[in-house]
PDB file of N, CA and C in Angstrom:
ATOM      1  N   MET A   1       0.822  -1.195   0.000  1.00  0.00           N
ATOM      2  CA  MET A   1       0.000   0.000   0.000  1.00  0.00           C
ATOM      3  C   MET A   1       0.861   1.252   0.000  1.00  0.00           C
ATOM      4  N   GLN A   2       1.992   1.209   0.726  1.00  0.00           N
ATOM      5  CA  GLN A   2       2.840   2.402   0.753  1.00  0.00           C
ATOM      6  C   GLN A   2       3.276   2.797  -0.655  1.00  0.00           C
ATOM      7  N   LYS A   3       3.685   1.830  -1.458  1.00  0.00           N
ATOM      8  CA  LYS A   3       4.163   2.131  -2.812  1.00  0.00           C
ATOM      9  C   LYS A   3       3.026   2.610  -3.714  1.00  0.00           C
ATOM     10  N   ILE A   4       1.836   2.047  -3.557  1.00  0.00           N
ATOM     11  CA  ILE A   4       0.682   2.497  -4.343  1.00  0.00           C
ATOM     12  C   ILE A   4       0.359   3.946  -3.991  1.00  0.00           C
ATOM     13  N   LEU A   5       0.325   4.252  -2.695  1.00  0.00           N
ATOM     14  CA  LEU A   5       0.023   5.620  -2.271  1.00  0.00           C
ATOM     15  C   LEU A   5       1.121   6.583  -2.697  1.00  0.00           C
ATOM     16  N   GLU A   6       2.366   6.142  -2.564  1.00  0.00           N
ATOM     17  CA  GLU A   6       3.491   6.992  -2.975  1.00  0.00           C
ATOM     18  C   GLU A   6       3.398   7.303  -4.467  1.00  0.00           C
ATOM     19  N   SER A   7       3.111   6.292  -5.271  1.00  0.00           N
ATOM     20  CA  SER A   7       2.970   6.502  -6.711  1.00  0.00           C
ATOM     21  C   SER A   7       1.823   7.464  -7.019  1.00  0.00           C
ATOM     22  N   ASN A   8       0.704   7.299  -6.322  1.00  0.00           N
ATOM     23  CA  ASN A   8      -0.444   8.180  -6.529  1.00  0.00           C
ATOM     24  C   ASN A   8      -0.112   9.623  -6.163  1.00  0.00           C
ATOM     25  N   ASN A   9       0.684   9.814  -5.127  1.00  0.00           N
ATOM     26  CA  ASN A   9       0.984  11.154  -4.629  1.00  0.00           C
ATOM     27  C   ASN A   9       2.065  11.871  -5.425  1.00  0.00           C
ATOM     28  N   THR A  10       2.596  11.243  -6.483  1.00  0.00           N
ATOM     29  CA  THR A  10       3.658  11.891  -7.250  1.00  0.00           C
ATOM     30  C   THR A  10       3.153  13.039  -8.101  1.00  0.00           C
ATOM     31  N   ARG A  11       1.852  13.041  -8.434  1.00  0.00           N
ATOM     32  CA  ARG A  11       1.296  14.110  -9.272  1.00  0.00           C
ATOM     33  C   ARG A  11      -0.013  14.597  -8.691  1.00  0.00           C
ATOM     34  N   ILE A  12      -0.188  15.903  -8.663  1.00  0.00           N
ATOM     35  CA  ILE A  12      -1.451  16.496  -8.208  1.00  0.00           C
ATOM     36  C   ILE A  12      -2.551  16.071  -9.172  1.00  0.00           C
ATOM     37  N   GLY A  13      -3.673  15.686  -8.640  1.00  0.00           N
ATOM     38  CA  GLY A  13      -4.804  15.291  -9.467  1.00  0.00           C
ATOM     39  C   GLY A  13      -4.916  13.789  -9.675  1.00  0.00           C
ATOM     40  N   ASN A  14      -3.888  13.034  -9.304  1.00  0.00           N
ATOM     41  CA  ASN A  14      -3.993  11.573  -9.393  1.00  0.00           C
ATOM     42  C   ASN A  14      -5.064  11.076  -8.438  1.00  0.00           C
ATOM     43  N   SER A  15      -5.700   9.990  -8.801  1.00  0.00           N
ATOM     44  CA  SER A  15      -6.710   9.371  -7.937  1.00  0.00           C
ATOM     45  C   SER A  15      -6.553   7.860  -7.961  1.00  0.00           C
ATOM     46  N   ILE A  16      -6.960   7.248  -6.880  1.00  0.00           N
ATOM     47  CA  ILE A  16      -6.993   5.790  -6.782  1.00  0.00           C
ATOM     48  C   ILE A  16      -8.396   5.403  -6.348  1.00  0.00           C
ATOM     49  N   ILE A  17      -8.928   4.376  -6.965  1.00  0.00           N
ATOM     50  CA  ILE A  17     -10.181   3.790  -6.501  1.00  0.00           C
ATOM     51  C   ILE A  17      -9.851   2.378  -6.054  1.00  0.00           C
ATOM     52  N   ILE A  18     -10.175   2.076  -4.806  1.00  0.00           N
ATOM     53  CA  ILE A  18      -9.878   0.761  -4.245  1.00  0.00           C
ATOM     54  C   ILE A  18     -11.191   0.145  -3.774  1.00  0.00           C
ATOM     55  N   THR A  19     -11.433  -1.069  -4.183  1.00  0.00           N
ATOM     56  CA  THR A  19     -12.546  -1.827  -3.623  1.00  0.00           C
ATOM     57  C   THR A  19     -11.937  -3.022  -2.907  1.00  0.00           C
ATOM     58  N   THR A  20     -12.374  -3.265  -1.688  1.00  0.00           N
ATOM     59  CA  THR A  20     -11.766  -4.345  -0.921  1.00  0.00           C
ATOM     60  C   THR A  20     -12.671  -4.762   0.234  1.00  0.00           C
ATOM     61  N   HIS A  21     -12.472  -5.969   0.659  1.00  0.00           N
ATOM     62  CA  HIS A  21     -13.024  -6.453   1.916  1.00  0.00           C
ATOM     63  C   HIS A  21     -11.886  -6.700   2.904  1.00  0.00           C
ATOM     64  N   SER A  22     -10.676  -6.454   2.451  1.00  0.00           N
ATOM     65  CA  SER A  22      -9.500  -6.765   3.258  1.00  0.00           C
ATOM     66  C   SER A  22      -9.361  -5.803   4.436  1.00  0.00           C
ATOM     67  N   PRO A  23      -9.397  -6.331   5.643  1.00  0.00           N
ATOM     68  CA  PRO A  23      -9.197  -5.458   6.806  1.00  0.00           C
ATOM     69  C   PRO A  23      -7.772  -4.905   6.859  1.00  0.00           C
ATOM     70  N   TYR A  24      -6.819  -5.580   6.231  1.00  0.00           N
ATOM     71  CA  TYR A  24      -5.436  -5.113   6.234  1.00  0.00           C
ATOM     72  C   TYR A  24      -5.296  -3.838   5.392  1.00  0.00           C
ATOM     73  N   ILE A  25      -5.906  -3.849   4.221  1.00  0.00           N
ATOM     74  CA  ILE A  25      -5.846  -2.669   3.360  1.00  0.00           C
ATOM     75  C   ILE A  25      -6.607  -1.514   3.994  1.00  0.00           C
ATOM     76  N   ILE A  26      -7.788  -1.800   4.489  1.00  0.00           N
ATOM     77  CA  ILE A  26      -8.602  -0.760   5.128  1.00  0.00           C
ATOM     78  C   ILE A  26      -7.868  -0.185   6.330  1.00  0.00           C
ATOM     79  N   ASN A  27      -7.266  -1.052   7.123  1.00  0.00           N
ATOM     80  CA  ASN A  27      -6.555  -0.590   8.314  1.00  0.00           C
ATOM     81  C   ASN A  27      -5.368   0.291   7.927  1.00  0.00           C
ATOM     82  N   TYR A  28      -4.601  -0.100   6.898  1.00  0.00           N
ATOM     83  CA  TYR A  28      -3.465   0.729   6.505  1.00  0.00           C
ATOM     84  C   TYR A  28      -3.921   2.073   5.950  1.00  0.00           C
ATOM     85  N   LEU A  29      -4.979   2.057   5.152  1.00  0.00           N
ATOM     86  CA  LEU A  29      -5.493   3.319   4.624  1.00  0.00           C
ATOM     87  C   LEU A  29      -5.937   4.237   5.765  1.00  0.00           C
ATOM     88  N   THR A  30      -6.563   3.662   6.775  1.00  0.00           N
ATOM     89  CA  THR A  30      -6.979   4.435   7.942  1.00  0.00           C
ATOM     90  C   THR A  30      -5.771   5.061   8.630  1.00  0.00           C
ATOM     91  N   ILE A  31      -4.702   4.282   8.761  1.00  0.00           N
ATOM     92  CA  ILE A  31      -3.477   4.781   9.391  1.00  0.00           C
ATOM     93  C   ILE A  31      -2.861   5.891   8.539  1.00  0.00           C
ATOM     94  N   ALA A  32      -2.836   5.712   7.211  1.00  0.00           N
ATOM     95  CA  ALA A  32      -2.263   6.727   6.323  1.00  0.00           C
ATOM     96  C   ALA A  32      -3.065   8.030   6.374  1.00  0.00           C
ATOM     97  N   ILE A  33      -4.391   7.917   6.502  1.00  0.00           N
ATOM     98  CA  ILE A  33      -5.233   9.110   6.619  1.00  0.00           C
ATOM     99  C   ILE A  33      -4.986   9.806   7.956  1.00  0.00           C
ATOM    100  N   GLN A  34      -4.914   9.022   9.029  1.00  0.00           N
ATOM    101  CA  GLN A  34      -4.638   9.594  10.350  1.00  0.00           C
ATOM    102  C   GLN A  34      -3.288  10.299  10.353  1.00  0.00           C
ATOM    103  N   ALA A  35      -2.293   9.673   9.728  1.00  0.00           N
ATOM    104  CA  ALA A  35      -0.961  10.278   9.661  1.00  0.00           C
ATOM    105  C   ALA A  35      -0.998  11.573   8.854  1.00  0.00           C
ATOM    106  N   GLY A  36      -1.774  11.602   7.778  1.00  0.00           N
ATOM    107  CA  GLY A  36      -1.917  12.828   6.997  1.00  0.00           C
ATOM    108  C   GLY A  36      -2.506  13.955   7.830  1.00  0.00           C
ATOM    109  N   GLY A  37      -3.494  13.619   8.662  1.00  0.00           N
ATOM    110  CA  GLY A  37      -4.081  14.616   9.553  1.00  0.00           C
ATOM    111  C   GLY A  37      -3.095  15.106  10.597  1.00  0.00           C
ATOM    112  N   LEU A  38      -2.266  14.195  11.105  1.00  0.00           N
ATOM    113  CA  LEU A  38      -1.260  14.602  12.090  1.00  0.00           C
ATOM    114  C   LEU A  38      -0.214  15.522  11.466  1.00  0.00           C
ATOM    115  N   LYS A  39       0.183  15.237  10.218  1.00  0.00           N
ATOM    116  CA  LYS A  39       1.142  16.117   9.553  1.00  0.00           C
ATOM    117  C   LYS A  39       0.564  17.527   9.421  1.00  0.00           C
ATOM    118  N   LYS A  40      -0.700  17.613   9.053  1.00  0.00           N
ATOM    119  CA  LYS A  40      -1.337  18.926   8.928  1.00  0.00           C
ATOM    120  C   LYS A  40      -1.319  19.654  10.272  1.00  0.00           C
ATOM    121  N   LYS A  41      -1.631  18.928  11.352  1.00  0.00           N
ATOM    122  CA  LYS A  41      -1.587  19.552  12.685  1.00  0.00           C
ATOM    123  C   LYS A  41      -0.176  19.994  13.037  1.00  0.00           C
ATOM    124  N   LEU A  42       0.823  19.157  12.703  1.00  0.00           N
ATOM    125  CA  LEU A  42       2.218  19.539  12.963  1.00  0.00           C
ATOM    126  C   LEU A  42       2.587  20.796  12.185  1.00  0.00           C
ATOM    127  N   ASP A  43       2.183  20.860  10.911  1.00  0.00           N
ATOM    128  CA  ASP A  43       2.476  22.030  10.081  1.00  0.00           C
ATOM    129  C   ASP A  43       1.905  23.304  10.684  1.00  0.00           C
ATOM    130  N   GLU A  44       0.771  23.191  11.335  1.00  0.00           N
ATOM    131  CA  GLU A  44       0.070  24.356  11.891  1.00  0.00           C
ATOM    132  C   GLU A  44       0.442  24.655  13.339  1.00  0.00           C
ATOM    133  N   SER A  45       1.287  23.813  13.939  1.00  0.00           N
ATOM    134  CA  SER A  45       1.582  23.974  15.366  1.00  0.00           C
ATOM    135  C   SER A  45       3.021  24.427  15.586  1.00  0.00           C
ATOM    136  N   GLU A  46       3.298  24.653  16.840  1.00  0.00           N
ATOM    137  CA  GLU A  46       4.661  24.973  17.248  1.00  0.00           C
ATOM    138  C   GLU A  46       5.277  23.796  17.983  1.00  0.00           C
ATOM    139  N   ALA A  47       4.751  22.614  17.738  1.00  0.00           N
ATOM    140  CA  ALA A  47       5.246  21.408  18.399  1.00  0.00           C
ATOM    141  C   ALA A  47       6.674  21.095  17.948  1.00  0.00           C
ATOM    142  N   ASP A  48       7.325  20.270  18.713  1.00  0.00           N
ATOM    143  CA  ASP A  48       8.688  19.843  18.423  1.00  0.00           C
ATOM    144  C   ASP A  48       8.750  19.234  17.022  1.00  0.00           C
ATOM    145  N   LYS A  49       9.578  19.779  16.168  1.00  0.00           N
ATOM    146  CA  LYS A  49       9.679  19.325  14.774  1.00  0.00           C
ATOM    147  C   LYS A  49      10.263  17.916  14.667  1.00  0.00           C
ATOM    148  N   ALA A  50      10.813  17.395  15.763  1.00  0.00           N
ATOM    149  CA  ALA A  50      11.294  16.008  15.764  1.00  0.00           C
ATOM    150  C   ALA A  50      10.132  15.024  15.610  1.00  0.00           C
ATOM    151  N   LEU A  51       8.921  15.505  15.863  1.00  0.00           N
ATOM    152  CA  LEU A  51       7.746  14.646  15.707  1.00  0.00           C
ATOM    153  C   LEU A  51       7.541  14.233  14.256  1.00  0.00           C
ATOM    154  N   TYR A  52       8.025  15.045  13.309  1.00  0.00           N
ATOM    155  CA  TYR A  52       7.916  14.670  11.899  1.00  0.00           C
ATOM    156  C   TYR A  52       8.621  13.342  11.640  1.00  0.00           C
ATOM    157  N   SER A  53       9.839  13.204  12.134  1.00  0.00           N
ATOM    158  CA  SER A  53      10.578  11.958  11.865  1.00  0.00           C
ATOM    159  C   SER A  53       9.888  10.764  12.510  1.00  0.00           C
ATOM    160  N   ARG A  54       9.318  10.957  13.689  1.00  0.00           N
ATOM    161  CA  ARG A  54       8.562   9.864  14.323  1.00  0.00           C
ATOM    162  C   ARG A  54       7.341   9.509  13.489  1.00  0.00           C
ATOM    163  N   LEU A  55       6.661  10.530  12.975  1.00  0.00           N
ATOM    164  CA  LEU A  55       5.491  10.305  12.131  1.00  0.00           C
ATOM    165  C   LEU A  55       5.871   9.525  10.876  1.00  0.00           C
ATOM    166  N   TYR A  56       6.964   9.937  10.224  1.00  0.00           N
ATOM    167  CA  TYR A  56       7.371   9.307   8.970  1.00  0.00           C
ATOM    168  C   TYR A  56       7.930   7.900   9.170  1.00  0.00           C
ATOM    169  N   GLU A  57       8.266   7.545  10.391  1.00  0.00           N
ATOM    170  CA  GLU A  57       8.640   6.154  10.677  1.00  0.00           C
ATOM    171  C   GLU A  57       7.416   5.248  10.609  1.00  0.00           C
ATOM    172  N   VAL A  58       6.255   5.792  10.933  1.00  0.00           N
ATOM    173  CA  VAL A  58       5.010   5.023  10.895  1.00  0.00           C
ATOM    174  C   VAL A  58       4.477   4.974   9.473  1.00  0.00           C
ATOM    175  N   VAL A  59       4.377   6.137   8.842  1.00  0.00           N
ATOM    176  CA  VAL A  59       3.920   6.235   7.450  1.00  0.00           C
ATOM    177  C   VAL A  59       4.870   7.185   6.733  1.00  0.00           C
ATOM    178  N   PRO A  60       5.543   6.712   5.685  1.00  0.00           N
ATOM    179  CA  PRO A  60       6.448   7.603   4.947  1.00  0.00           C
ATOM    180  C   PRO A  60       5.705   8.835   4.435  1.00  0.00           C
ATOM    181  N   GLU A  61       6.402   9.959   4.419  1.00  0.00           N
ATOM    182  CA  GLU A  61       5.776  11.220   4.010  1.00  0.00           C
ATOM    183  C   GLU A  61       5.095  11.108   2.648  1.00  0.00           C
ATOM    184  N   GLN A  62       5.701  10.385   1.720  1.00  0.00           N
ATOM    185  CA  GLN A  62       5.156  10.264   0.370  1.00  0.00           C
ATOM    186  C   GLN A  62       3.883   9.427   0.322  1.00  0.00           C
ATOM    187  N   SER A  63       3.540   8.724   1.415  1.00  0.00           N
ATOM    188  CA  SER A  63       2.370   7.850   1.432  1.00  0.00           C
ATOM    189  C   SER A  63       1.217   8.401   2.263  1.00  0.00           C
ATOM    190  N   LEU A  64       1.337   9.634   2.738  1.00  0.00           N
ATOM    191  CA  LEU A  64       0.274  10.227   3.549  1.00  0.00           C
ATOM    192  C   LEU A  64      -0.961  10.504   2.686  1.00  0.00           C
ATOM    193  N   ILE A  65      -2.132  10.438   3.321  1.00  0.00           N
ATOM    194  CA  ILE A  65      -3.394  10.711   2.631  1.00  0.00           C
ATOM    195  C   ILE A  65      -4.130  11.803   3.390  1.00  0.00           C
ATOM    196  N   SER A  66      -4.707  12.743   2.645  1.00  0.00           N
ATOM    197  CA  SER A  66      -5.547  13.769   3.249  1.00  0.00           C
ATOM    198  C   SER A  66      -6.983  13.263   3.323  1.00  0.00           C
ATOM    199  N   MET A  67      -7.618  13.431   4.470  1.00  0.00           N
ATOM    200  CA  MET A  67      -9.016  13.040   4.619  1.00  0.00           C
ATOM    201  C   MET A  67      -9.890  13.783   3.628  1.00  0.00           C
ATOM    202  N   ASN A  68      -9.498  15.009   3.284  1.00  0.00           N
ATOM    203  CA  ASN A  68     -10.278  15.802   2.332  1.00  0.00           C
ATOM    204  C   ASN A  68     -10.291  15.188   0.939  1.00  0.00           C
ATOM    205  N   ASP A  69      -9.334  14.330   0.658  1.00  0.00           N
ATOM    206  CA  ASP A  69      -9.233  13.687  -0.651  1.00  0.00           C
ATOM    207  C   ASP A  69      -9.771  12.260  -0.634  1.00  0.00           C
ATOM    208  N   THR A  70     -10.495  11.902   0.408  1.00  0.00           N
ATOM    209  CA  THR A  70     -10.919  10.514   0.600  1.00  0.00           C
ATOM    210  C   THR A  70     -12.433  10.418   0.698  1.00  0.00           C
ATOM    211  N   ALA A  71     -12.977   9.396   0.089  1.00  0.00           N
ATOM    212  CA  ALA A  71     -14.398   9.073   0.231  1.00  0.00           C
ATOM    213  C   ALA A  71     -14.505   7.580   0.517  1.00  0.00           C
ATOM    214  N   ILE A  72     -15.322   7.224   1.500  1.00  0.00           N
ATOM    215  CA  ILE A  72     -15.492   5.833   1.889  1.00  0.00           C
ATOM    216  C   ILE A  72     -16.960   5.459   1.696  1.00  0.00           C
ATOM    217  N   TYR A  73     -17.180   4.369   0.991  1.00  0.00           N
ATOM    218  CA  TYR A  73     -18.536   3.910   0.700  1.00  0.00           C
ATOM    219  C   TYR A  73     -18.731   2.502   1.242  1.00  0.00           C
ATOM    220  N   GLU A  74     -19.957   2.209   1.610  1.00  0.00           N
ATOM    221  CA  GLU A  74     -20.315   0.872   2.065  1.00  0.00           C
ATOM    222  C   GLU A  74     -21.425   0.350   1.159  1.00  0.00           C
ATOM    223  N   LEU A  75     -21.259  -0.874   0.686  1.00  0.00           N
ATOM    224  CA  LEU A  75     -22.260  -1.525  -0.145  1.00  0.00           C
ATOM    225  C   LEU A  75     -23.096  -2.447   0.731  1.00  0.00           C
ATOM    226  N   ASN A  76     -24.407  -2.254   0.713  1.00  0.00           N
ATOM    227  CA  ASN A  76     -25.319  -3.136   1.422  1.00  0.00           C
ATOM    228  C   ASN A  76     -25.608  -4.308   0.492  1.00  0.00           C
ATOM    229  N   GLU A  77     -25.072  -5.450   0.819  1.00  0.00           N
ATOM    230  CA  GLU A  77     -25.187  -6.612  -0.062  1.00  0.00           C
ATOM    231  C   GLU A  77     -26.605  -7.170  -0.118  1.00  0.00           C
ATOM    232  N   LEU A  78     -27.452  -6.791   0.826  1.00  0.00           N
ATOM    233  CA  LEU A  78     -28.826  -7.302   0.840  1.00  0.00           C
ATOM    234  C   LEU A  78     -29.728  -6.572  -0.145  1.00  0.00           C
ATOM    235  N   ASP A  79     -29.599  -5.229  -0.201  1.00  0.00           N
ATOM    236  CA  ASP A  79     -30.501  -4.479  -1.079  1.00  0.00           C
ATOM    237  C   ASP A  79     -29.778  -3.695  -2.179  1.00  0.00           C
ATOM    238  N   GLY A  80     -28.446  -3.790  -2.228  1.00  0.00           N
ATOM    239  CA  GLY A  80     -27.692  -3.143  -3.294  1.00  0.00           C
ATOM    240  C   GLY A  80     -27.435  -1.660  -3.102  1.00  0.00           C
ATOM    241  N   ARG A  81     -27.871  -1.085  -1.971  1.00  0.00           N
ATOM    242  CA  ARG A  81     -27.636   0.344  -1.718  1.00  0.00           C
ATOM    243  C   ARG A  81     -26.152   0.612  -1.482  1.00  0.00           C
ATOM    244  N   ILE A  82     -25.700   1.732  -2.005  1.00  0.00           N
ATOM    245  CA  ILE A  82     -24.340   2.195  -1.742  1.00  0.00           C
ATOM    246  C   ILE A  82     -24.464   3.496  -0.966  1.00  0.00           C
ATOM    247  N   THR A  83     -23.804   3.554   0.189  1.00  0.00           N
ATOM    248  CA  THR A  83     -23.908   4.703   1.073  1.00  0.00           C
ATOM    249  C   THR A  83     -22.521   5.284   1.321  1.00  0.00           C
ATOM    250  N   LYS A  84     -22.402   6.602   1.164  1.00  0.00           N
ATOM    251  CA  LYS A  84     -21.154   7.271   1.521  1.00  0.00           C
ATOM    252  C   LYS A  84     -21.127   7.420   3.034  1.00  0.00           C
ATOM    253  N   LEU A  85     -20.062   6.939   3.643  1.00  0.00           N
ATOM    254  CA  LEU A  85     -19.939   7.014   5.094  1.00  0.00           C
ATOM    255  C   LEU A  85     -19.264   8.322   5.487  1.00  0.00           C
ATOM    256  N   THR A  86     -19.769   8.932   6.530  1.00  0.00           N
ATOM    257  CA  THR A  86     -19.069  10.092   7.058  1.00  0.00           C
ATOM    258  C   THR A  86     -17.838   9.577   7.783  1.00  0.00           C
ATOM    259  N   ALA A  87     -16.799  10.378   7.798  1.00  0.00           N
ATOM    260  CA  ALA A  87     -15.558   9.945   8.426  1.00  0.00           C
ATOM    261  C   ALA A  87     -14.939  11.091   9.192  1.00  0.00           C
ATOM    262  N   GLU A  88     -14.334  10.753  10.295  1.00  0.00           N
ATOM    263  CA  GLU A  88     -13.610  11.722  11.102  1.00  0.00           C
ATOM    264  C   GLU A  88     -12.291  11.082  11.459  1.00  0.00           C
ATOM    265  N   TYR A  89     -11.205  11.790  11.243  1.00  0.00           N
ATOM    266  CA  TYR A  89      -9.864  11.268  11.507  1.00  0.00           C
ATOM    267  C   TYR A  89      -9.574  10.007  10.695  1.00  0.00           C
ATOM    268  N   GLY A  90     -10.215   9.856   9.541  1.00  0.00           N
ATOM    269  CA  GLY A  90      -9.918   8.731   8.674  1.00  0.00           C
ATOM    270  C   GLY A  90     -10.671   7.465   8.970  1.00  0.00           C
ATOM    271  N   VAL A  91     -11.498   7.474   9.993  1.00  0.00           N
ATOM    272  CA  VAL A  91     -12.257   6.281  10.366  1.00  0.00           C
ATOM    273  C   VAL A  91     -13.731   6.555  10.146  1.00  0.00           C
ATOM    274  N   PRO A  92     -14.446   5.662   9.445  1.00  0.00           N
ATOM    275  CA  PRO A  92     -15.882   5.883   9.271  1.00  0.00           C
ATOM    276  C   PRO A  92     -16.570   6.061  10.617  1.00  0.00           C
ATOM    277  N   THR A  93     -17.411   7.092  10.733  1.00  0.00           N
ATOM    278  CA  THR A  93     -18.048   7.374  12.013  1.00  0.00           C
ATOM    279  C   THR A  93     -19.455   6.803  12.118  1.00  0.00           C
ATOM    280  N   ASP A  94     -20.032   6.417  10.993  1.00  0.00           N
ATOM    281  CA  ASP A  94     -21.367   5.826  11.060  1.00  0.00           C
ATOM    282  C   ASP A  94     -21.302   4.473  11.737  1.00  0.00           C
ATOM    283  N   ASN A  95     -22.423   4.058  12.289  1.00  0.00           N
ATOM    284  CA  ASN A  95     -22.496   2.729  12.875  1.00  0.00           C
ATOM    285  C   ASN A  95     -22.568   1.728  11.727  1.00  0.00           C
ATOM    286  N   ASN A  96     -21.435   1.087  11.445  1.00  0.00           N
ATOM    287  CA  ASN A  96     -21.380   0.137  10.344  1.00  0.00           C
ATOM    288  C   ASN A  96     -20.453  -1.005  10.709  1.00  0.00           C
ATOM    289  N   PHE A  97     -20.545  -2.061   9.951  1.00  0.00           N
ATOM    290  CA  PHE A  97     -19.766  -3.262  10.223  1.00  0.00           C
ATOM    291  C   PHE A  97     -18.269  -2.983  10.202  1.00  0.00           C
ATOM    292  N   LEU A  98     -17.803  -2.262   9.188  1.00  0.00           N
ATOM    293  CA  LEU A  98     -16.382  -1.966   9.063  1.00  0.00           C
ATOM    294  C   LEU A  98     -15.867  -1.234  10.292  1.00  0.00           C
ATOM    295  N   ASN A  99     -16.557  -0.202  10.700  1.00  0.00           N
ATOM    296  CA  ASN A  99     -16.122   0.581  11.848  1.00  0.00           C
ATOM    297  C   ASN A  99     -16.084  -0.269  13.117  1.00  0.00           C
ATOM    298  N   THR A 100     -17.085  -1.100  13.300  1.00  0.00           N
ATOM    299  CA  THR A 100     -17.128  -1.970  14.475  1.00  0.00           C
ATOM    300  C   THR A 100     -15.929  -2.905  14.505  1.00  0.00           C
ATOM    301  N   MET A 101     -15.617  -3.512  13.367  1.00  0.00           N
ATOM    302  CA  MET A 101     -14.488  -4.443  13.292  1.00  0.00           C
ATOM    303  C   MET A 101     -13.154  -3.726  13.506  1.00  0.00           C
ATOM    304  N   LEU A 102     -12.979  -2.564  12.885  1.00  0.00           N
ATOM    305  CA  LEU A 102     -11.740  -1.815  13.071  1.00  0.00           C
ATOM    306  C   LEU A 102     -11.548  -1.417  14.530  1.00  0.00           C
ATOM    307  N   LYS A 103     -12.620  -0.986  15.151  1.00  0.00           N
ATOM    308  CA  LYS A 103     -12.552  -0.567  16.555  1.00  0.00           C
ATOM    309  C   LYS A 103     -12.128  -1.739  17.440  1.00  0.00           C
ATOM    310  N   GLU A 104     -12.745  -2.897  17.221  1.00  0.00           N
ATOM    311  CA  GLU A 104     -12.399  -4.079  18.018  1.00  0.00           C
ATOM    312  C   GLU A 104     -10.946  -4.481  17.808  1.00  0.00           C
ATOM    313  N   ARG A 105     -10.483  -4.455  16.552  1.00  0.00           N
ATOM    314  CA  ARG A 105      -9.089  -4.846  16.259  1.00  0.00           C
ATOM    315  C   ARG A 105      -8.107  -3.858  16.869  1.00  0.00           C
ATOM    316  N   ASN A 106      -8.428  -2.578  16.831  1.00  0.00           N
ATOM    317  CA  ASN A 106      -7.537  -1.572  17.409  1.00  0.00           C
ATOM    318  C   ASN A 106      -7.424  -1.726  18.918  1.00  0.00           C
ATOM    319  N   ILE A 107      -8.516  -2.053  19.575  1.00  0.00           N
ATOM    320  CA  ILE A 107      -8.475  -2.286  21.023  1.00  0.00           C
ATOM    321  C   ILE A 107      -7.569  -3.474  21.341  1.00  0.00           C
ATOM    322  N   LEU A 108      -7.706  -4.541  20.568  1.00  0.00           N
ATOM    323  CA  LEU A 108      -6.854  -5.716  20.774  1.00  0.00           C
ATOM    324  C   LEU A 108      -5.385  -5.370  20.540  1.00  0.00           C
ATOM    325  N   PHE A 109      -5.113  -4.627  19.477  1.00  0.00           N
ATOM    326  CA  PHE A 109      -3.732  -4.265  19.170  1.00  0.00           C
ATOM    327  C   PHE A 109      -3.151  -3.358  20.254  1.00  0.00           C
ATOM    328  N   ASP A 110      -3.925  -2.405  20.734  1.00  0.00           N
ATOM    329  CA  ASP A 110      -3.469  -1.532  21.826  1.00  0.00           C
ATOM    330  C   ASP A 110      -3.139  -2.341  23.075  1.00  0.00           C
ATOM    331  N   THR A 111      -3.941  -3.341  23.347  1.00  0.00           N
ATOM    332  CA  THR A 111      -3.686  -4.207  24.499  1.00  0.00           C
ATOM    333  C   THR A 111      -2.355  -4.918  24.343  1.00  0.00           C
ATOM    334  N   LEU A 112      -2.069  -5.420  23.138  1.00  0.00           N
ATOM    335  CA  LEU A 112      -0.784  -6.076  22.892  1.00  0.00           C
ATOM    336  C   LEU A 112       0.377  -5.105  23.060  1.00  0.00           C
ATOM    337  N   LEU A 113       0.215  -3.869  22.587  1.00  0.00           N
ATOM    338  CA  LEU A 113       1.277  -2.880  22.755  1.00  0.00           C
ATOM    339  C   LEU A 113       1.513  -2.555  24.230  1.00  0.00           C
ATOM    340  N   ASP A 114       0.449  -2.511  25.021  1.00  0.00           N
ATOM    341  CA  ASP A 114       0.588  -2.282  26.463  1.00  0.00           C
ATOM    342  C   ASP A 114       1.385  -3.398  27.118  1.00  0.00           C
ATOM    343  N   ILE A 115       1.102  -4.636  26.721  1.00  0.00           N
ATOM    344  CA  ILE A 115       1.842  -5.784  27.269  1.00  0.00           C
ATOM    345  C   ILE A 115       3.303  -5.689  26.880  1.00  0.00           C
ATOM    346  N   GLU A 116       3.560  -5.335  25.619  1.00  0.00           N
ATOM    347  CA  GLU A 116       4.949  -5.218  25.152  1.00  0.00           C
ATOM    348  C   GLU A 116       5.713  -4.157  25.931  1.00  0.00           C
ATOM    349  N   GLU A 117       5.057  -3.029  26.212  1.00  0.00           N
ATOM    350  CA  GLU A 117       5.706  -1.971  26.984  1.00  0.00           C
ATOM    351  C   GLU A 117       6.079  -2.447  28.387  1.00  0.00           C
ATOM    352  N   GLU A 118       5.273  -3.306  28.964  1.00  0.00           N
ATOM    353  CA  GLU A 118       5.584  -3.827  30.294  1.00  0.00           C
ATOM    354  C   GLU A 118       6.742  -4.821  30.260  1.00  0.00           C
ATOM    355  N   ILE A 119       6.912  -5.497  29.128  1.00  0.00           N
ATOM    356  CA  ILE A 119       8.031  -6.427  28.981  1.00  0.00           C
ATOM    357  C   ILE A 119       9.336  -5.649  28.815  1.00  0.00           C
ATOM    358  N   ASN A 120       9.295  -4.587  28.008  1.00  0.00           N
ATOM    359  CA  ASN A 120      10.475  -3.785  27.699  1.00  0.00           C
ATOM    360  C   ASN A 120      10.282  -2.358  28.215  1.00  0.00           C
ATOM    361  N   PRO A 121      10.413  -2.148  29.513  1.00  0.00           N
ATOM    362  CA  PRO A 121      10.191  -0.795  30.050  1.00  0.00           C
ATOM    363  C   PRO A 121      11.253   0.194  29.589  1.00  0.00           C
TER     364      PRO A 121
END
């Protein structure tokens, strides 16, 4: 995903359309959008500029995504409706299956990171 996003970001006006059920792709896109929002906040703040390098360790600068350039849709497989989901911070905010699953996975992952921190203080 990093290389696809990096390639897309090489020219203004490029667009990517992705259809997927993969939680891995959705999760990475969510992270790239969140990182894009953090970069914007860093640009507008007086925070320590060393935070940029920490940010780019998570998502390379060339792979950041702006939430303003993103649209997320959900297909209802029962009736064929396609609904644009509202999103805040890169995560769909409507009560939907995707959001529920991402939230549950993030809680589990955070728990693992907490355990790791206790192992390596």
